[in-house]
Amino acid sequence: MKVLLVNPEFPDTYWSFRHALPFERKRCAFPPLGLLTVSAMLPKQWERRLVDLNVRTLKASDIQWADMVFITGMLVQKESVHAVVERCRAMGKRIALGGPYVTTTIEDLPDVDHIFLGEAETTLPQFIEDLEQGSPQRSYKAVERPPLALTPVADFHLADLKHYSSMSVQYSRGCPFNCEFCDIIEIYGRVPRTKSNQQILAELDALLQLGWRGTVFIVDDNFIGNKKNVRLLLPHLAAWQEEHGHPFSLLTEASVNLADDTELLCDMQRAGFTRVFLGIETPAEESLKEAQKSQNRGNLLESVKKIQNHGMEVMAGFIVGFDNDPDDIFERQINFIRESAIPLAMVGLLTALPDTQLWRRLEKEGRLLGESTGNNTNCSLNFVPKMDAARLVAGYQSIMRTIYNPKEYYQRALDSLKRTPVPNWDPKEVRLFRDLASFVRLLLKLGVLDRERREFWRFFATAAKHREQFAASMRLAAMGYHFRKLNEAYTE
């Protein structure tokens, strides 16, 4: 059996980093971990190939080679999913489709042979057995959420690592909280399941053996969702990093209550975490209460600062469009982002994702307008907001124009670097300064060709005084360019 694994294309979003990647000669931020894991669950004698449309085009010869095509995707990849299915269907190929988009969509699915709903650790083996017996079913859905002990080490070797700026691993699935707008708890549940310490270290071993050095993104939606198990993992992770000369700088996502646990922060710092993405959402307490975001309690500015002081640059998500947003929400969001010194702030319009608590509430209230695009930065709304829609979109655009104005952004970057101590080991995730060609490209693009070059050189002059953080500052300059270009595409 010859299996072609296809990762559809992502549009230009916060997480695509599309405008920053060319500086370091990369084509995509992360490899398709889901497909690489699915590949590892297939029979060893089967042949497999990976085509990531974010790295290269899908050729007719790729499809012709395959006996069967496996496709996955998130809601934001919907258009590309349909286009890939149409091409493969036209060439008469058997198609299997899975992933978050398929699991949660309420619109018509593409015409495929086999659909996988939910996680594949139990359904994929059943499909393979049915296929061998000549009686495969059209739809497979797990009866219960599988233990991650069943998850194999992903087939990282299928990905052309040189095209990616970061590698990905997954430690846990699920989140204990109950945010109204979140689809993670609907898909993966509220009881976080984790891999064993041995499993996660084996995945790092695999990446190390393939020659990877640099950033590893632990893609959990809440890395500290199961604090008990995380506490047991971190000492082993720190020891592994020490033993191997700290080859990886770790990035993950976590809930804001991470700041409440100093011991956990210290353990993460020792294990090599240098960046963390937080779901802050809003400084408006009434909106946090509406969103059932009980974990975002206390002084959020102090929480961010405490995490930064433990050597982790804070990235964060923010949302406008809650029913209880006050009239001055746009100014409050801008001021919070400024005062918190969060350079990479993902601000989006509230979106109702299929089958979330928010979706069900808005449907009951007759306020739904259709399925979301999955992109909360393109100024589209899929529900009727309490605030006038035109004012909401205009206010959102004003936030984006302000926070990614170069002068504003560069100041936040400098403030963030001041708050975040440099690790006592050599972080290898920043290659711009090590790679002369990349560094020259950055200087040429931002310092010569860009209309905002004057602000860049002011930033450069200040950053150059702090040699130990200079590489990190240049990475932030590249990222700021990405967000500015993304903002221009959606708000002008």
Protein backbone atom coordinates (compact mmCIF):
# COMPACT_ATOMS: atom_id res chain seq x y z
CA MET A 1 0.00 0.00 0.00
CA LYS A 2 1.31 3.44 -0.98
CA VAL A 3 -0.04 6.27 1.18
CA LEU A 4 0.28 9.96 0.39
CA LEU A 5 -0.11 12.22 3.43
CA VAL A 6 -1.18 15.74 2.47
CA ASN A 7 -1.18 18.80 4.72
CA PRO A 8 -3.38 21.53 3.14
CA GLU A 9 -2.26 25.12 2.90
CA PHE A 10 -2.71 27.63 5.71
CA PRO A 11 -3.80 31.17 4.84
CA ASP A 12 -1.77 34.08 6.14
CA THR A 13 -2.44 34.20 9.91
CA TYR A 14 -0.75 35.04 13.22
CA TRP A 15 0.74 31.54 13.45
CA SER A 16 1.86 31.33 9.82
CA PHE A 17 4.74 33.79 10.39
CA ARG A 18 4.82 33.94 6.59
CA HIS A 19 6.42 37.36 6.31
CA ALA A 20 9.15 36.57 8.86
CA LEU A 21 10.19 33.15 7.59
CA PRO A 22 12.04 34.36 4.46
CA PHE A 23 14.59 36.15 6.65
CA GLU A 24 15.86 32.79 7.87
CA ARG A 25 15.23 31.00 4.56
CA LYS A 26 12.36 28.89 5.89
CA ARG A 27 9.07 28.09 4.20
CA CYS A 28 6.85 27.11 7.12
CA ALA A 29 6.78 27.54 10.88
CA PHE A 30 5.94 23.97 11.94
CA PRO A 31 5.68 20.54 10.30
CA PRO A 32 2.28 18.75 10.27
CA LEU A 33 2.65 16.79 13.51
CA GLY A 34 -0.75 15.12 13.17
CA LEU A 35 0.07 13.54 9.82
CA LEU A 36 3.55 12.52 10.97
CA THR A 37 1.92 10.76 13.93
CA VAL A 38 -0.67 9.09 11.70
CA SER A 39 2.16 7.87 9.51
CA ALA A 40 3.80 6.20 12.51
CA MET A 41 0.55 4.26 13.14
CA LEU A 42 0.45 2.74 9.65
CA PRO A 43 1.80 -0.76 8.98
CA LYS A 44 5.57 -0.68 8.65
CA GLN A 45 5.49 -2.37 5.25
CA TRP A 46 3.33 0.39 3.76
CA GLU A 47 5.12 3.07 1.77
CA ARG A 48 4.40 6.66 2.70
CA ARG A 49 5.21 10.13 1.46
CA LEU A 50 4.42 13.53 2.93
CA VAL A 51 3.45 16.60 0.92
CA ASP A 52 3.06 19.76 2.97
CA LEU A 53 1.45 22.39 0.76
CA ASN A 54 2.96 25.06 2.99
CA VAL A 55 6.38 23.90 1.83
CA ARG A 56 5.84 22.74 -1.75
CA THR A 57 3.14 22.20 -4.35
CA LEU A 58 1.15 19.01 -4.77
CA LYS A 59 2.12 17.48 -8.11
CA ALA A 60 0.03 15.18 -10.25
CA SER A 61 2.85 12.63 -9.99
CA ASP A 62 2.48 12.65 -6.19
CA ILE A 63 -1.18 11.70 -6.48
CA GLN A 64 -0.55 9.16 -9.25
CA TRP A 65 2.01 7.38 -7.06
CA ALA A 66 -0.46 6.80 -4.22
CA ASP A 67 -2.97 4.02 -3.65
CA MET A 68 -4.61 6.08 -0.92
CA VAL A 69 -4.43 9.73 0.20
CA PHE A 70 -4.66 10.80 3.84
CA ILE A 71 -5.65 14.45 4.36
CA THR A 72 -6.04 16.37 7.61
CA GLY A 73 -6.78 19.98 8.41
CA MET A 74 -8.09 22.64 10.74
CA LEU A 75 -11.06 24.87 10.04
CA VAL A 76 -8.78 27.62 8.76
CA GLN A 77 -7.48 25.19 6.10
CA LYS A 78 -10.99 24.39 4.83
CA GLU A 79 -10.63 25.84 1.33
CA SER A 80 -7.37 24.05 0.72
CA VAL A 81 -8.81 20.78 2.09
CA HIS A 82 -11.64 20.91 -0.46
CA ALA A 83 -9.25 21.74 -3.30
CA VAL A 84 -6.95 18.80 -2.46
CA VAL A 85 -9.89 16.42 -2.19
CA GLU A 86 -11.19 17.50 -5.60
CA ARG A 87 -7.82 16.89 -7.26
CA CYS A 88 -7.41 13.46 -5.69
CA ARG A 89 -11.02 12.50 -6.41
CA ALA A 90 -10.58 13.49 -10.08
CA MET A 91 -7.67 11.06 -10.29
CA GLY A 92 -9.71 8.22 -8.81
CA LYS A 93 -7.85 7.88 -5.54
CA ARG A 94 -9.20 6.48 -2.28
CA ILE A 95 -9.29 9.36 0.21
CA ALA A 96 -9.25 9.33 4.02
CA LEU A 97 -10.00 12.61 5.79
CA GLY A 98 -9.58 13.51 9.45
CA GLY A 99 -8.56 16.29 11.80
CA PRO A 100 -10.24 19.10 13.77
CA TYR A 101 -12.06 20.57 10.75
CA VAL A 102 -13.81 17.29 9.95
CA THR A 103 -14.55 16.58 13.60
CA THR A 104 -16.29 19.89 14.32
CA THR A 105 -17.65 21.25 11.03
CA ILE A 106 -21.38 21.74 10.60
CA GLU A 107 -21.22 22.36 6.85
CA ASP A 108 -21.08 19.78 4.06
CA LEU A 109 -17.92 17.72 4.14
CA PRO A 110 -15.93 16.96 0.99
CA ASP A 111 -16.78 13.78 -0.90
CA VAL A 112 -14.27 11.27 0.49
CA ASP A 113 -14.20 7.52 1.04
CA HIS A 114 -13.38 7.49 4.74
CA ILE A 115 -13.93 10.04 7.51
CA PHE A 116 -12.21 9.97 10.89
CA LEU A 117 -13.89 11.89 13.68
CA GLY A 118 -11.81 12.72 16.74
CA GLU A 119 -8.50 11.16 17.72
CA ALA A 120 -7.10 8.32 15.62
CA GLU A 121 -5.21 6.11 18.09
CA THR A 122 -8.04 3.56 18.23
CA THR A 123 -9.93 4.22 15.00
CA LEU A 124 -6.98 4.04 12.59
CA PRO A 125 -5.94 0.50 13.66
CA GLN A 126 -9.57 -0.58 13.26
CA PHE A 127 -9.66 0.94 9.77
CA ILE A 128 -6.46 -0.87 8.79
CA GLU A 129 -7.90 -4.16 10.02
CA ASP A 130 -11.16 -3.55 8.14
CA LEU A 131 -9.23 -2.61 5.00
CA GLU A 132 -7.22 -5.81 5.11
CA GLN A 133 -10.45 -7.80 5.47
CA GLY A 134 -12.01 -5.94 2.54
CA SER A 135 -14.73 -4.22 4.58
CA PRO A 136 -13.60 -0.67 5.43
CA GLN A 137 -16.30 1.64 6.79
CA ARG A 138 -16.97 5.19 5.57
CA SER A 139 -16.94 6.75 9.02
CA TYR A 140 -14.88 6.03 12.12
CA LYS A 141 -15.40 7.69 15.48
CA ALA A 142 -13.63 6.82 18.71
CA VAL A 143 -15.99 5.55 21.41
CA GLU A 144 -13.85 7.26 24.05
CA ARG A 145 -10.82 9.52 24.16
CA PRO A 146 -7.73 7.32 23.89
CA PRO A 147 -4.85 7.24 26.38
CA LEU A 148 -1.75 8.88 24.93
CA ALA A 149 0.25 5.80 25.82
CA LEU A 150 -1.04 4.56 22.44
CA THR A 151 0.57 7.46 20.56
CA PRO A 152 3.82 6.49 18.78
CA VAL A 153 6.83 8.68 18.11
CA ALA A 154 5.96 10.67 15.01
CA ASP A 155 7.69 9.91 11.69
CA PHE A 156 9.68 13.15 11.82
CA HIS A 157 11.98 11.87 9.08
CA LEU A 158 9.21 12.29 6.49
CA ALA A 159 9.39 16.09 6.85
CA ASP A 160 12.13 18.02 5.11
CA LEU A 161 13.38 19.65 8.29
CA LYS A 162 15.40 22.35 6.58
CA HIS A 163 12.20 24.10 5.46
CA TYR A 164 10.79 24.59 8.98
CA SER A 165 11.69 27.14 11.63
CA SER A 166 10.54 24.94 14.51
CA MET A 167 9.76 21.32 15.29
CA SER A 168 6.64 20.21 17.15
CA VAL A 169 5.89 17.59 19.78
CA GLN A 170 2.78 17.02 21.88
CA TYR A 171 2.77 16.16 25.58
CA SER A 172 -0.91 16.42 26.50
CA ARG A 173 -4.44 16.81 25.14
CA GLY A 174 -7.35 18.50 26.86
CA CYS A 175 -7.76 21.39 29.29
CA PRO A 176 -9.39 21.49 32.75
CA PHE A 177 -11.00 24.90 32.22
CA ASN A 178 -14.36 25.76 30.71
CA CYS A 179 -13.92 28.79 28.42
CA GLU A 180 -17.17 29.37 26.55
CA PHE A 181 -15.57 30.08 23.16
CA CYS A 182 -13.07 27.21 23.21
CA ASP A 183 -13.36 24.13 20.99
CA ILE A 184 -10.40 22.32 22.56
CA ILE A 185 -12.46 21.10 25.50
CA GLU A 186 -15.13 19.88 23.06
CA ILE A 187 -12.64 17.94 20.95
CA TYR A 188 -10.17 16.69 23.58
CA GLY A 189 -12.11 16.94 26.83
CA ARG A 190 -11.60 18.62 30.20
CA VAL A 191 -9.49 15.87 31.73
CA PRO A 192 -5.95 16.45 30.38
CA ARG A 193 -4.25 13.26 29.26
CA THR A 194 -0.46 13.16 29.05
CA LYS A 195 2.25 11.03 27.56
CA SER A 196 4.76 9.36 29.85
CA ASN A 197 8.11 11.00 30.56
CA GLN A 198 9.75 8.25 28.50
CA GLN A 199 7.52 8.98 25.51
CA ILE A 200 8.28 12.71 25.35
CA LEU A 201 12.01 12.16 25.83
CA ALA A 202 11.98 9.54 23.07
CA GLU A 203 10.48 12.15 20.72
CA LEU A 204 13.22 14.62 21.62
CA ASP A 205 15.78 11.88 21.05
CA ALA A 206 14.33 11.31 17.58
CA LEU A 207 14.60 14.99 16.68
CA LEU A 208 18.14 15.16 18.02
CA GLN A 209 19.19 12.13 15.99
CA LEU A 210 17.78 13.75 12.84
CA GLY A 211 20.09 16.69 13.44
CA TRP A 212 17.52 19.22 14.63
CA ARG A 213 18.78 22.07 16.81
CA GLY A 214 16.72 25.11 17.82
CA THR A 215 13.08 25.68 18.74
CA VAL A 216 10.77 22.84 19.71
CA PHE A 217 7.12 23.81 20.12
CA ILE A 218 5.23 21.69 22.66
CA VAL A 219 1.89 22.20 20.97
CA ASP A 220 -0.39 21.44 23.93
CA ASP A 221 -3.27 23.88 24.22
CA ASN A 222 -2.48 24.05 27.93
CA PHE A 223 0.86 22.51 28.85
CA ILE A 224 0.15 22.86 32.58
CA GLY A 225 -3.39 21.47 32.37
CA ASN A 226 -2.24 18.39 34.31
CA LYS A 227 0.11 20.03 36.80
CA LYS A 228 0.76 16.81 38.69
CA ASN A 229 2.24 15.08 35.66
CA VAL A 230 4.04 18.20 34.40
CA ARG A 231 5.85 18.51 37.73
CA LEU A 232 7.08 14.93 37.31
CA LEU A 233 8.19 15.58 33.73
CA LEU A 234 10.14 18.82 34.11
CA PRO A 235 13.12 17.51 36.16
CA HIS A 236 13.65 14.76 33.57
CA LEU A 237 13.34 17.31 30.78
CA ALA A 238 15.90 19.58 32.44
CA ALA A 239 18.29 16.65 32.94
CA TRP A 240 17.89 15.63 29.28
CA GLN A 241 18.67 19.16 28.12
CA GLU A 242 21.74 19.33 30.35
CA GLU A 243 22.98 15.94 29.20
CA HIS A 244 22.70 16.91 25.53
CA GLY A 245 24.06 20.45 25.79
CA HIS A 246 20.69 22.26 25.64
CA PRO A 247 19.99 21.62 21.94
CA PHE A 248 16.38 22.86 22.13
CA SER A 249 14.68 26.08 23.18
CA LEU A 250 11.15 25.20 24.21
CA LEU A 251 7.96 27.07 23.38
CA THR A 252 4.48 26.16 24.58
CA GLU A 253 0.99 27.41 25.45
CA ALA A 254 -0.30 27.65 29.01
CA SER A 255 -3.04 29.18 31.13
CA VAL A 256 -2.31 32.41 32.99
CA ASN A 257 -2.43 30.67 36.36
CA LEU A 258 1.08 29.49 35.56
CA ALA A 259 2.11 32.71 37.29
CA ASP A 260 0.61 31.46 40.57
CA ASP A 261 3.16 28.65 40.80
CA THR A 262 6.71 29.88 41.36
CA GLU A 263 8.11 26.36 41.67
CA LEU A 264 6.62 25.37 38.33
CA LEU A 265 8.00 28.53 36.69
CA CYS A 266 11.49 27.75 38.00
CA ASP A 267 11.24 24.16 36.76
CA MET A 268 10.17 25.31 33.31
CA GLN A 269 13.03 27.80 33.20
CA ARG A 270 15.54 25.06 34.08
CA ALA A 271 14.03 22.78 31.43
CA GLY A 272 14.71 25.32 28.69
CA PHE A 273 11.40 27.08 28.14
CA THR A 274 12.08 30.50 26.61
CA ARG A 275 8.62 31.44 25.30
CA VAL A 276 5.04 30.80 26.38
CA PHE A 277 1.73 31.75 24.76
CA LEU A 278 -1.02 32.80 27.20
CA GLY A 279 -4.74 33.15 26.63
CA ILE A 280 -5.23 36.51 28.31
CA GLU A 281 -8.19 37.48 26.09
CA THR A 282 -9.20 40.75 27.77
CA PRO A 283 -8.48 43.07 30.71
CA ALA A 284 -12.24 43.57 31.21
CA GLU A 285 -13.34 41.49 34.20
CA GLU A 286 -16.97 41.44 33.08
CA SER A 287 -15.94 39.93 29.73
CA LEU A 288 -13.70 37.35 31.41
CA LYS A 289 -16.66 36.33 33.56
CA GLU A 290 -18.86 36.05 30.46
CA ALA A 291 -16.24 33.84 28.81
CA GLN A 292 -16.06 31.64 31.93
CA LYS A 293 -12.35 32.42 32.10
CA SER A 294 -12.06 31.90 35.86
CA GLN A 295 -8.35 31.08 35.68
CA ASN A 296 -7.56 34.68 34.59
CA ARG A 297 -7.87 36.09 38.07
CA GLY A 298 -5.96 38.68 40.03
CA ASN A 299 -3.58 41.24 38.57
CA LEU A 300 -2.96 40.04 35.02
CA LEU A 301 -0.18 42.58 34.41
CA GLU A 302 1.72 41.26 37.41
CA SER A 303 1.13 37.68 36.25
CA VAL A 304 2.68 38.44 32.86
CA LYS A 305 5.62 40.21 34.47
CA LYS A 306 6.30 37.30 36.82
CA ILE A 307 6.44 34.84 33.92
CA GLN A 308 8.74 37.18 31.99
CA ASN A 309 11.00 37.48 35.03
CA HIS A 310 11.46 33.71 34.91
CA GLY A 311 13.13 33.89 31.51
CA MET A 312 10.10 33.33 29.29
CA GLU A 313 9.02 35.80 26.65
CA VAL A 314 5.25 36.08 26.83
CA MET A 315 3.13 35.89 23.72
CA ALA A 316 -0.61 36.16 24.18
CA GLY A 317 -4.04 36.01 22.63
CA PHE A 318 -6.58 38.82 23.02
CA ILE A 319 -10.22 38.99 21.96
CA VAL A 320 -12.71 41.80 21.34
CA GLY A 321 -16.39 41.27 20.65
CA PHE A 322 -17.68 39.90 23.95
CA ASP A 323 -21.23 40.92 24.85
CA ASN A 324 -19.96 42.60 28.01
CA ASP A 325 -17.07 44.53 26.44
CA PRO A 326 -17.19 48.12 27.79
CA ASP A 327 -17.22 51.12 25.46
CA ASP A 328 -13.51 51.77 26.05
CA ILE A 329 -12.43 48.16 25.42
CA PHE A 330 -10.23 49.07 22.45
CA GLU A 331 -8.20 51.59 24.44
CA ARG A 332 -8.01 49.17 27.38
CA GLN A 333 -6.67 46.40 25.16
CA ILE A 334 -4.03 48.72 23.68
CA ASN A 335 -2.97 49.94 27.13
CA PHE A 336 -2.77 46.41 28.54
CA ILE A 337 -0.66 45.15 25.63
CA ARG A 338 1.62 48.17 25.98
CA GLU A 339 2.02 47.91 29.75
CA SER A 340 2.51 44.14 29.70
CA ALA A 341 5.37 44.41 27.18
CA ILE A 342 4.00 41.57 25.05
CA PRO A 343 5.53 42.02 21.59
CA LEU A 344 3.67 39.19 19.84
CA ALA A 345 0.06 39.98 20.71
CA MET A 346 -2.52 38.02 18.72
CA VAL A 347 -5.64 40.16 18.81
CA GLY A 348 -8.71 38.71 17.15
CA LEU A 349 -12.44 39.20 16.85
CA LEU A 350 -14.52 36.79 18.89
CA THR A 351 -15.50 33.85 16.73
CA ALA A 352 -18.14 31.20 17.39
CA LEU A 353 -16.57 27.85 16.56
CA PRO A 354 -18.85 24.91 15.77
CA ASP A 355 -20.36 23.04 18.71
CA THR A 356 -18.74 25.19 21.40
CA GLN A 357 -20.73 26.52 24.33
CA LEU A 358 -20.63 29.94 22.64
CA TRP A 359 -21.96 28.44 19.40
CA ARG A 360 -24.83 26.76 21.21
CA ARG A 361 -25.74 29.91 23.15
CA LEU A 362 -25.70 32.16 20.08
CA GLU A 363 -27.68 29.61 18.09
CA LYS A 364 -30.34 29.58 20.83
CA GLU A 365 -30.38 33.39 20.76
CA GLY A 366 -30.74 33.47 16.96
CA ARG A 367 -27.47 35.37 16.49
CA LEU A 368 -25.41 32.93 14.40
CA LEU A 369 -24.58 33.93 10.82
CA GLY A 370 -22.82 30.76 9.63
CA GLU A 371 -19.65 28.77 10.10
CA SER A 372 -16.47 30.67 10.89
CA THR A 373 -13.55 30.83 8.48
CA GLY A 374 -11.33 29.81 11.38
CA ASN A 375 -9.32 33.01 10.93
CA ASN A 376 -10.15 35.55 13.64
CA THR A 377 -7.87 38.26 12.23
CA ASN A 378 -9.52 38.86 8.83
CA CYS A 379 -12.27 41.16 10.18
CA SER A 380 -15.09 38.70 9.49
CA LEU A 381 -17.87 38.00 12.00
CA ASN A 382 -20.00 34.87 12.07
CA PHE A 383 -22.48 36.14 14.66
CA VAL A 384 -24.39 39.31 15.48
CA PRO A 385 -22.47 41.12 18.24
CA LYS A 386 -24.06 43.25 20.95
CA MET A 387 -21.83 46.18 19.92
CA ASP A 388 -22.55 47.70 16.52
CA ALA A 389 -20.68 45.44 14.08
CA ALA A 390 -19.10 48.30 12.10
CA ARG A 391 -17.87 49.92 15.32
CA LEU A 392 -16.49 46.59 16.55
CA VAL A 393 -14.52 45.97 13.37
CA ALA A 394 -13.27 49.56 13.26
CA GLY A 395 -12.20 49.35 16.90
CA TYR A 396 -10.41 46.07 16.25
CA GLN A 397 -8.58 47.61 13.32
CA SER A 398 -7.55 50.56 15.49
CA ILE A 399 -5.97 48.14 17.98
CA MET A 400 -4.02 46.40 15.26
CA ARG A 401 -2.85 49.63 13.64
CA THR A 402 -1.66 50.90 17.02
CA ILE A 403 0.10 47.87 18.47
CA TYR A 404 1.91 47.05 15.23
CA ASN A 405 2.92 50.59 14.48
CA PRO A 406 6.72 50.15 14.33
CA LYS A 407 7.50 52.68 17.03
CA GLU A 408 4.97 51.11 19.40
CA TYR A 409 6.02 47.55 18.57
CA TYR A 410 9.76 48.11 18.88
CA GLN A 411 9.30 49.73 22.29
CA ARG A 412 7.33 46.70 23.52
CA ALA A 413 10.05 44.42 22.20
CA LEU A 414 12.73 46.35 24.10
CA ASP A 415 10.61 46.37 27.26
CA SER A 416 10.06 42.62 26.95
CA LEU A 417 13.79 41.96 26.56
CA LYS A 418 14.54 44.06 29.64
CA ARG A 419 12.14 41.99 31.72
CA THR A 420 13.26 38.61 30.45
CA PRO A 421 16.63 37.41 31.77
CA VAL A 422 18.93 35.61 29.37
CA PRO A 423 19.23 31.86 30.08
CA ASN A 424 22.52 30.63 31.49
CA TRP A 425 22.77 28.27 28.52
CA ASP A 426 23.12 29.18 24.86
CA PRO A 427 19.65 29.41 23.21
CA LYS A 428 19.97 28.09 19.68
CA GLU A 429 16.54 29.06 18.39
CA VAL A 430 17.77 32.40 17.06
CA ARG A 431 19.72 31.89 13.88
CA LEU A 432 19.52 35.32 12.31
CA PHE A 433 22.69 36.48 13.99
CA ARG A 434 24.52 33.19 13.42
CA ASP A 435 23.62 33.09 9.73
CA LEU A 436 25.29 36.07 8.06
CA ALA A 437 23.17 35.80 4.93
CA SER A 438 19.95 35.90 7.00
CA PHE A 439 21.22 38.85 8.99
CA VAL A 440 22.07 40.75 5.82
CA ARG A 441 18.60 40.02 4.40
CA LEU A 442 17.06 41.42 7.56
CA LEU A 443 19.15 44.58 7.41
CA LEU A 444 18.40 45.06 3.72
CA LYS A 445 14.64 44.54 4.08
CA LEU A 446 14.03 46.44 7.30
CA GLY A 447 16.92 48.88 7.26
CA VAL A 448 17.07 49.88 3.58
CA LEU A 449 13.93 48.95 1.65
CA ASP A 450 11.23 49.32 4.30
CA ARG A 451 9.40 52.62 4.60
CA GLU A 452 9.68 52.31 8.39
CA ARG A 453 13.47 51.92 8.30
CA ARG A 454 14.08 54.92 10.54
CA GLU A 455 12.27 53.24 13.43
CA PHE A 456 14.18 50.03 12.74
CA TRP A 457 17.55 51.75 13.04
CA ARG A 458 16.49 53.39 16.31
CA PHE A 459 15.56 49.95 17.61
CA PHE A 460 18.77 48.46 16.22
CA ALA A 461 20.93 51.06 17.95
CA THR A 462 19.37 50.36 21.33
CA ALA A 463 19.38 46.58 20.89
CA ALA A 464 23.05 46.58 19.85
CA LYS A 465 24.00 47.86 23.30
CA HIS A 466 22.83 44.59 24.83
CA ARG A 467 24.94 41.99 23.09
CA GLU A 468 23.55 39.00 25.00
CA GLN A 469 20.04 39.76 23.71
CA PHE A 470 20.88 41.11 20.29
CA ALA A 471 19.94 37.95 18.40
CA ALA A 472 16.61 37.78 20.23
CA SER A 473 15.94 41.42 19.36
CA MET A 474 16.54 40.75 15.67
CA ARG A 475 14.13 37.80 15.80
CA LEU A 476 11.52 40.12 17.28
CA ALA A 477 12.19 42.67 14.54
CA ALA A 478 11.50 40.01 11.92
CA MET A 479 8.33 38.94 13.70
CA GLY A 480 7.14 42.54 13.96
CA TYR A 481 7.47 42.86 10.20
CA HIS A 482 5.23 39.79 9.77
CA PHE A 483 2.51 41.24 11.99
CA ARG A 484 2.66 44.62 10.32
CA LYS A 485 2.24 43.06 6.87
CA LEU A 486 -0.58 40.84 8.15
CA ASN A 487 -2.26 43.85 9.67
CA GLU A 488 -1.96 45.84 6.44
CA ALA A 489 -3.55 43.00 4.48
CA TYR A 490 -6.62 42.79 6.74
CA THR A 491 -7.18 46.34 7.98
CA GLU A 492 -6.36 48.67 5.06
